[in-house]
């Protein structure tokens, strides 16, 4: 029997981009110019800021003086402190996670699960059982073209999660 509502329908996850297709020269030129303007708007102020700060740090030996506002120098120093702090925290986090993962791999420390697979399988079974009681078998539900749910069988808010939780509580006892 052929399923009408096939859950495992093949999905096309590919995409197309007009930029990389043949032709579309106006789009390519427009996007390239926009990208170049964007890079220019990023590189020029960065160059000016770095060069002015270098001029200040080297006491007028290196760089060019585009500006010498004291607020700007203080702000750059502040940003350098903040970025340094962020780099140190990121470095410490990466090192600690590497040590933990290496110790877990070598079974030096306990491997704690990220989820309880047994209870998740049980929750899935309980949900399927609840849905079958309420709406019929899976085969029927997936092969029917039109199904009208009587008002008594509509699910109120959180009823499915409550039913699964109640079943799990019975299972745990």
Protein backbone atom coordinates (compact mmCIF):
# COMPACT_ATOMS: atom_id res chain seq x y z
CA UNK A 1 0.00 0.00 0.00
CA UNK A 2 1.36 3.38 -1.00
CA UNK A 3 1.58 5.99 1.75
CA UNK A 4 -0.12 9.26 1.00
CA UNK A 5 1.65 11.29 3.69
CA UNK A 6 5.18 9.94 3.55
CA UNK A 7 7.21 11.25 6.49
CA UNK A 8 10.52 10.33 4.90
CA UNK A 9 10.01 12.29 1.71
CA UNK A 10 13.22 13.15 -0.05
CA UNK A 11 14.15 16.72 0.65
CA UNK A 12 16.29 18.79 -1.64
CA UNK A 13 18.74 20.74 0.51
CA UNK A 14 20.66 22.26 -2.36
CA UNK A 15 20.37 25.91 -3.25
CA UNK A 16 21.25 28.05 -6.19
CA UNK A 17 22.96 31.39 -6.26
CA UNK A 18 22.50 33.65 -9.26
CA UNK A 19 25.99 35.11 -8.69
CA UNK A 20 27.67 31.80 -9.60
CA UNK A 21 25.43 30.91 -12.54
CA UNK A 22 26.42 31.74 -16.11
CA UNK A 23 25.52 35.24 -17.19
CA UNK A 24 24.11 37.69 -14.63
CA UNK A 25 27.01 40.08 -15.24
CA UNK A 26 25.19 43.14 -13.88
CA UNK A 27 24.49 41.31 -10.62
CA UNK A 28 28.12 40.17 -10.37
CA UNK A 29 29.47 43.68 -10.98
CA UNK A 30 27.01 45.23 -8.52
CA UNK A 31 27.81 42.72 -5.76
CA UNK A 32 31.57 42.94 -6.33
CA UNK A 33 31.46 46.75 -6.16
CA UNK A 34 29.37 46.58 -3.00
CA UNK A 35 31.83 44.13 -1.43
CA UNK A 36 34.79 46.33 -2.37
CA UNK A 37 33.12 49.44 -0.92
CA UNK A 38 32.41 47.47 2.26
CA UNK A 39 36.03 46.35 2.55
CA UNK A 40 37.21 49.90 1.83
CA UNK A 41 34.94 51.25 4.60
CA UNK A 42 36.47 48.71 6.99
CA UNK A 43 40.15 48.88 5.99
CA UNK A 44 40.62 52.67 5.70
CA UNK A 45 39.34 53.60 9.21
CA UNK A 46 41.23 50.65 10.68
CA UNK A 47 44.44 51.77 8.96
CA UNK A 48 43.96 55.35 10.11
CA UNK A 49 43.28 54.29 13.70
CA UNK A 50 46.23 51.88 13.88
CA UNK A 51 48.58 54.34 12.21
CA UNK A 52 47.56 57.19 14.52
CA UNK A 53 47.92 54.98 17.59
CA UNK A 54 51.33 53.77 16.38
CA UNK A 55 52.34 57.41 15.87
CA UNK A 56 51.31 58.16 19.48
CA UNK A 57 53.06 55.07 20.94
CA UNK A 58 56.34 55.60 19.04
CA UNK A 59 56.44 59.26 20.07
CA UNK A 60 56.15 60.52 16.49
CA UNK A 61 58.77 58.18 15.00
CA UNK A 62 56.50 55.78 13.09
CA UNK A 63 53.12 56.15 11.48
CA UNK A 64 51.19 59.21 10.42
CA UNK A 65 49.24 61.54 12.61
CA UNK A 66 45.74 61.52 11.18
CA UNK A 67 44.36 62.49 14.60
CA UNK A 68 45.67 62.84 18.12
CA UNK A 69 42.58 63.18 20.28
CA UNK A 70 43.25 62.08 23.86
CA UNK A 71 39.78 60.50 24.02
CA UNK A 72 40.60 58.34 21.02
CA UNK A 73 43.88 57.16 22.55
CA UNK A 74 42.14 56.33 25.84
CA UNK A 75 39.39 54.49 23.98
CA UNK A 76 41.90 52.42 22.01
CA UNK A 77 43.74 51.53 25.22
CA UNK A 78 40.43 50.52 26.80
CA UNK A 79 39.50 48.38 23.78
CA UNK A 80 42.90 46.71 23.89
CA UNK A 81 42.38 45.84 27.56
CA UNK A 82 38.88 44.47 26.89
CA UNK A 83 40.04 42.46 23.86
CA UNK A 84 43.02 41.13 25.83
CA UNK A 85 40.68 40.03 28.61
CA UNK A 86 38.39 38.31 26.07
CA UNK A 87 41.33 36.53 24.45
CA UNK A 88 42.59 35.31 27.83
CA UNK A 89 39.14 34.03 28.86
CA UNK A 90 38.68 32.30 25.48
CA UNK A 91 42.13 30.75 25.74
CA UNK A 92 41.48 29.49 29.29
CA UNK A 93 38.10 28.07 28.26
CA UNK A 94 39.58 26.27 25.24
CA UNK A 95 42.44 24.84 27.29
CA UNK A 96 40.15 23.66 30.12
CA UNK A 97 37.69 22.05 27.70
CA UNK A 98 40.59 20.31 25.93
CA UNK A 99 41.88 18.93 29.23
CA UNK A 100 38.39 17.75 30.24
CA UNK A 101 37.78 16.06 26.87
CA UNK A 102 41.19 14.37 26.94
CA UNK A 103 40.55 13.10 30.47
CA UNK A 104 37.10 11.86 29.46
CA UNK A 105 38.52 10.09 26.44
CA UNK A 106 41.17 8.40 28.56
CA UNK A 107 38.50 7.50 31.17
CA UNK A 108 40.35 9.39 33.89
CA UNK A 109 37.13 11.18 34.86
CA UNK A 110 33.55 9.96 34.72
CA UNK A 111 31.78 10.27 31.39
CA UNK A 112 28.48 11.93 32.16
CA UNK A 113 25.78 11.56 29.50
CA UNK A 114 24.34 14.62 27.88
CA UNK A 115 20.89 13.01 27.84
CA UNK A 116 19.24 9.87 29.16
CA UNK A 117 18.72 7.72 26.08
CA UNK A 118 16.64 5.07 27.88
CA UNK A 119 14.13 7.60 29.18
CA UNK A 120 13.98 9.40 25.84
CA UNK A 121 13.13 6.11 24.10
CA UNK A 122 10.50 5.46 26.77
CA UNK A 123 9.07 8.97 26.29
CA UNK A 124 8.82 8.34 22.55
CA UNK A 125 7.01 5.05 23.13
CA UNK A 126 4.66 6.68 25.63
CA UNK A 127 3.90 9.51 23.22
CA UNK A 128 3.20 7.06 20.40
CA UNK A 129 0.93 4.99 22.67
CA UNK A 130 -0.98 8.11 23.75
CA UNK A 131 -1.40 9.30 20.16
CA UNK A 132 -2.55 5.83 19.02
CA UNK A 133 -5.16 5.72 21.79
CA UNK A 134 -6.39 9.17 20.85
CA UNK A 135 -6.18 9.20 17.03
CA UNK A 136 -5.72 5.62 15.83
CA UNK A 137 -2.83 3.53 14.59
CA UNK A 138 0.10 5.05 12.72
CA UNK A 139 -0.76 3.18 9.52
CA UNK A 140 -4.22 4.69 9.53
CA UNK A 141 -2.99 8.21 10.37
CA UNK A 142 -0.42 8.23 7.58
CA UNK A 143 -2.72 6.87 4.89
CA UNK A 144 -5.90 8.85 5.42
CA UNK A 145 -6.58 11.77 3.10
CA UNK A 146 -8.95 13.65 5.39
CA UNK A 147 -9.46 13.17 9.11
CA UNK A 148 -11.75 15.22 11.27
CA UNK A 149 -10.98 15.22 14.97
CA UNK A 150 -14.04 15.28 17.17
CA UNK A 151 -13.90 18.12 19.72
CA UNK A 152 -13.54 15.69 22.66
CA UNK A 153 -10.29 14.33 21.19
CA UNK A 154 -8.61 17.70 20.65
CA UNK A 155 -5.48 18.08 22.72
CA UNK A 156 -5.59 20.86 25.29
CA UNK A 157 -2.37 22.72 26.05
CA UNK A 158 0.37 20.49 27.52
CA UNK A 159 -1.81 17.35 27.60
CA UNK A 160 0.70 15.29 25.61
CA UNK A 161 3.61 16.32 27.82
CA UNK A 162 1.51 15.65 30.96
CA UNK A 163 0.58 12.18 29.68
CA UNK A 164 4.22 11.36 28.88
CA UNK A 165 5.33 12.67 32.27
CA UNK A 166 2.62 10.63 34.07
CA UNK A 167 3.70 7.48 32.23
CA UNK A 168 7.35 8.16 33.12
CA UNK A 169 6.41 8.66 36.77
CA UNK A 170 4.66 5.28 36.72
CA UNK A 171 7.73 3.79 35.01
CA UNK A 172 10.12 5.20 37.64
CA UNK A 173 8.12 3.73 40.56
